[in-house]
N, C-alpha and C. Protein backbone atom coordinates (compact mmCIF):
# COMPACT_ATOMS: atom_id res chain seq x y z
N UNK A 1 0.85 -1.17 0.00
CA UNK A 1 0.00 0.00 0.00
C UNK A 1 0.90 1.24 0.00
N UNK A 2 0.62 2.18 -0.87
CA UNK A 2 1.42 3.40 -1.00
C UNK A 2 0.74 4.54 -0.25
N UNK A 3 1.40 5.03 0.82
CA UNK A 3 0.86 6.13 1.61
C UNK A 3 1.41 7.49 1.21
N UNK A 4 2.26 7.53 0.20
CA UNK A 4 2.91 8.80 -0.16
C UNK A 4 1.94 9.91 -0.54
N UNK A 5 0.78 9.63 -1.16
CA UNK A 5 -0.12 10.75 -1.47
C UNK A 5 -0.97 11.22 -0.28
N UNK A 6 -0.85 10.58 0.86
CA UNK A 6 -1.66 10.94 2.02
C UNK A 6 -1.15 12.24 2.62
N UNK A 7 -2.07 13.19 2.83
CA UNK A 7 -1.72 14.48 3.42
C UNK A 7 -2.06 14.43 4.90
N UNK A 8 -1.05 14.42 5.76
CA UNK A 8 -1.26 14.33 7.21
C UNK A 8 -1.39 15.70 7.87
N UNK A 9 -1.35 16.75 7.10
CA UNK A 9 -1.40 18.10 7.68
C UNK A 9 -2.79 18.45 8.20
N UNK A 10 -3.77 17.61 7.97
CA UNK A 10 -5.12 17.89 8.45
C UNK A 10 -5.33 17.43 9.88
N UNK A 11 -4.30 16.94 10.55
CA UNK A 11 -4.43 16.50 11.93
C UNK A 11 -4.72 17.72 12.80
N UNK A 12 -5.94 17.84 13.35
CA UNK A 12 -6.30 19.05 14.11
C UNK A 12 -5.48 19.25 15.37
N UNK A 13 -4.99 18.18 15.97
CA UNK A 13 -4.22 18.30 17.20
C UNK A 13 -2.88 18.98 16.96
N UNK A 14 -2.38 18.90 15.75
CA UNK A 14 -1.09 19.49 15.43
C UNK A 14 -1.23 20.90 14.87
N UNK A 15 -2.45 21.34 14.60
CA UNK A 15 -2.62 22.61 13.91
C UNK A 15 -3.59 23.54 14.60
N UNK A 16 -3.35 23.83 15.85
CA UNK A 16 -4.03 24.95 16.47
C UNK A 16 -5.28 24.67 17.28
N UNK A 17 -5.84 23.47 17.23
CA UNK A 17 -6.99 23.23 18.10
C UNK A 17 -6.53 23.34 19.54
N UNK A 18 -7.40 23.86 20.37
CA UNK A 18 -7.06 24.07 21.77
C UNK A 18 -7.37 22.81 22.57
N UNK A 19 -6.35 22.08 23.04
CA UNK A 19 -6.61 20.85 23.79
C UNK A 19 -7.34 21.09 25.10
N UNK A 20 -7.23 22.29 25.67
CA UNK A 20 -7.93 22.59 26.92
C UNK A 20 -9.43 22.59 26.69
N UNK A 21 -9.90 23.26 25.63
CA UNK A 21 -11.33 23.28 25.35
C UNK A 21 -11.81 21.91 24.90
N UNK A 22 -10.94 21.16 24.21
CA UNK A 22 -11.30 19.81 23.79
C UNK A 22 -11.59 18.94 25.01
N UNK A 23 -10.79 19.06 26.05
CA UNK A 23 -10.98 18.26 27.25
C UNK A 23 -12.19 18.72 28.04
N UNK A 24 -12.40 20.02 28.11
CA UNK A 24 -13.56 20.51 28.87
C UNK A 24 -14.87 20.11 28.18
N UNK A 25 -14.85 19.91 26.86
CA UNK A 25 -16.03 19.48 26.12
C UNK A 25 -16.21 17.96 26.13
N UNK A 26 -15.18 17.23 26.54
CA UNK A 26 -15.21 15.77 26.54
C UNK A 26 -16.17 15.28 27.62
N UNK A 27 -17.11 14.42 27.25
CA UNK A 27 -18.14 13.97 28.19
C UNK A 27 -17.84 12.61 28.81
N UNK A 28 -16.85 11.90 28.30
CA UNK A 28 -16.54 10.57 28.80
C UNK A 28 -15.78 10.61 30.11
N UNK A 29 -15.38 9.44 30.61
CA UNK A 29 -14.66 9.36 31.88
C UNK A 29 -13.28 10.01 31.79
N UNK A 30 -12.90 10.64 32.89
CA UNK A 30 -11.60 11.31 32.97
C UNK A 30 -10.83 10.76 34.16
N UNK A 31 -9.52 10.96 34.14
CA UNK A 31 -8.68 10.56 35.26
C UNK A 31 -7.73 11.70 35.59
N UNK A 32 -7.27 11.72 36.84
CA UNK A 32 -6.30 12.74 37.25
C UNK A 32 -4.90 12.19 37.02
N UNK A 33 -4.06 13.03 36.40
CA UNK A 33 -2.68 12.66 36.09
C UNK A 33 -1.76 13.73 36.66
N UNK A 34 -0.69 13.30 37.32
CA UNK A 34 0.35 14.24 37.77
C UNK A 34 1.53 14.08 36.83
N UNK A 35 1.88 15.17 36.17
CA UNK A 35 2.99 15.17 35.22
C UNK A 35 4.12 15.97 35.83
N UNK A 36 5.29 15.35 35.97
CA UNK A 36 6.44 16.02 36.59
C UNK A 36 7.59 16.10 35.61
N UNK A 37 8.28 17.23 35.66
CA UNK A 37 9.47 17.45 34.85
C UNK A 37 10.64 17.67 35.79
N UNK A 38 11.65 16.83 35.66
CA UNK A 38 12.85 16.92 36.49
C UNK A 38 13.98 17.51 35.65
N UNK A 39 14.64 18.54 36.16
CA UNK A 39 15.72 19.19 35.43
C UNK A 39 17.00 19.08 36.26
N UNK A 40 18.07 18.63 35.63
CA UNK A 40 19.37 18.51 36.30
C UNK A 40 19.65 17.09 36.74
N UNK A 41 20.93 16.77 36.84
CA UNK A 41 21.35 15.43 37.26
C UNK A 41 20.91 15.11 38.68
N UNK A 42 20.89 16.09 39.52
CA UNK A 42 20.50 15.91 40.92
C UNK A 42 19.06 16.35 41.18
N UNK A 43 18.27 16.43 40.11
CA UNK A 43 16.89 16.92 40.20
C UNK A 43 16.86 18.30 40.86
N UNK A 44 17.69 19.19 40.32
CA UNK A 44 17.80 20.55 40.86
C UNK A 44 16.47 21.30 40.82
N UNK A 45 15.70 21.07 39.76
CA UNK A 45 14.40 21.72 39.61
C UNK A 45 13.38 20.63 39.33
N UNK A 46 12.30 20.64 40.08
CA UNK A 46 11.20 19.70 39.85
C UNK A 46 9.94 20.53 39.68
N UNK A 47 9.27 20.35 38.53
CA UNK A 47 8.03 21.08 38.27
C UNK A 47 6.94 20.06 38.04
N UNK A 48 5.84 20.14 38.79
CA UNK A 48 4.75 19.19 38.70
C UNK A 48 3.45 19.92 38.41
N UNK A 49 2.64 19.34 37.53
CA UNK A 49 1.32 19.88 37.22
C UNK A 49 0.32 18.72 37.31
N UNK A 50 -0.86 19.00 37.83
CA UNK A 50 -1.92 18.01 37.95
C UNK A 50 -2.99 18.33 36.90
N UNK A 51 -3.38 17.31 36.14
CA UNK A 51 -4.33 17.50 35.04
C UNK A 51 -5.44 16.46 35.11
N UNK A 52 -6.63 16.82 34.64
CA UNK A 52 -7.70 15.85 34.44
C UNK A 52 -7.82 15.63 32.94
N UNK A 53 -7.63 14.39 32.52
CA UNK A 53 -7.62 14.07 31.09
C UNK A 53 -8.55 12.88 30.82
N UNK A 54 -9.01 12.74 29.57
CA UNK A 54 -9.79 11.55 29.22
C UNK A 54 -8.98 10.28 29.51
N UNK A 55 -9.66 9.23 29.89
CA UNK A 55 -8.98 7.98 30.27
C UNK A 55 -8.14 7.39 29.15
N UNK A 56 -8.46 7.69 27.90
CA UNK A 56 -7.71 7.10 26.79
C UNK A 56 -6.58 7.99 26.29
N UNK A 57 -6.21 9.03 27.02
CA UNK A 57 -5.13 9.93 26.61
C UNK A 57 -3.79 9.22 26.69
N UNK A 58 -2.93 9.49 25.72
CA UNK A 58 -1.58 8.92 25.71
C UNK A 58 -0.64 9.83 26.50
N UNK A 59 0.54 9.32 26.81
CA UNK A 59 1.55 10.12 27.51
C UNK A 59 1.91 11.35 26.69
N UNK A 60 1.99 11.19 25.39
CA UNK A 60 2.32 12.32 24.51
C UNK A 60 1.24 13.40 24.58
N UNK A 61 -0.02 13.00 24.60
CA UNK A 61 -1.11 13.98 24.68
C UNK A 61 -1.10 14.69 26.03
N UNK A 62 -0.75 13.98 27.10
CA UNK A 62 -0.64 14.61 28.42
C UNK A 62 0.47 15.66 28.40
N UNK A 63 1.60 15.34 27.78
CA UNK A 63 2.70 16.31 27.69
C UNK A 63 2.29 17.55 26.90
N UNK A 64 1.55 17.35 25.80
CA UNK A 64 1.09 18.48 24.99
C UNK A 64 0.13 19.35 25.79
N UNK A 65 -0.77 18.73 26.55
CA UNK A 65 -1.71 19.49 27.37
C UNK A 65 -0.98 20.25 28.46
N UNK A 66 -0.02 19.61 29.10
CA UNK A 66 0.76 20.28 30.15
C UNK A 66 1.47 21.51 29.59
N UNK A 67 1.96 21.40 28.37
CA UNK A 67 2.63 22.54 27.72
C UNK A 67 1.67 23.71 27.54
N UNK A 68 0.43 23.43 27.16
CA UNK A 68 -0.56 24.48 26.94
C UNK A 68 -1.03 25.07 28.27
N UNK A 69 -1.25 24.22 29.27
CA UNK A 69 -1.78 24.66 30.56
C UNK A 69 -0.76 25.45 31.37
N UNK A 70 0.52 25.09 31.23
CA UNK A 70 1.55 25.74 32.04
C UNK A 70 2.81 25.95 31.20
N UNK A 71 2.78 26.96 30.34
CA UNK A 71 3.91 27.16 29.42
C UNK A 71 5.11 27.59 30.19
């Protein structure tokens, strides 16, 4: 199967849709996730954010949401 003519630029998640409003409009089950970023070899800086996301969210989607919620 040749996928070369497929245009992937129509992915709304990559082109400006607001993931925060997407989650607030989501009616299915959600879970609380704590996402932490450790900076430095000795964990000199630790930044943690708590998010409520749909249960089927991937780790990548959680990271993207954390970026929008707390730039």
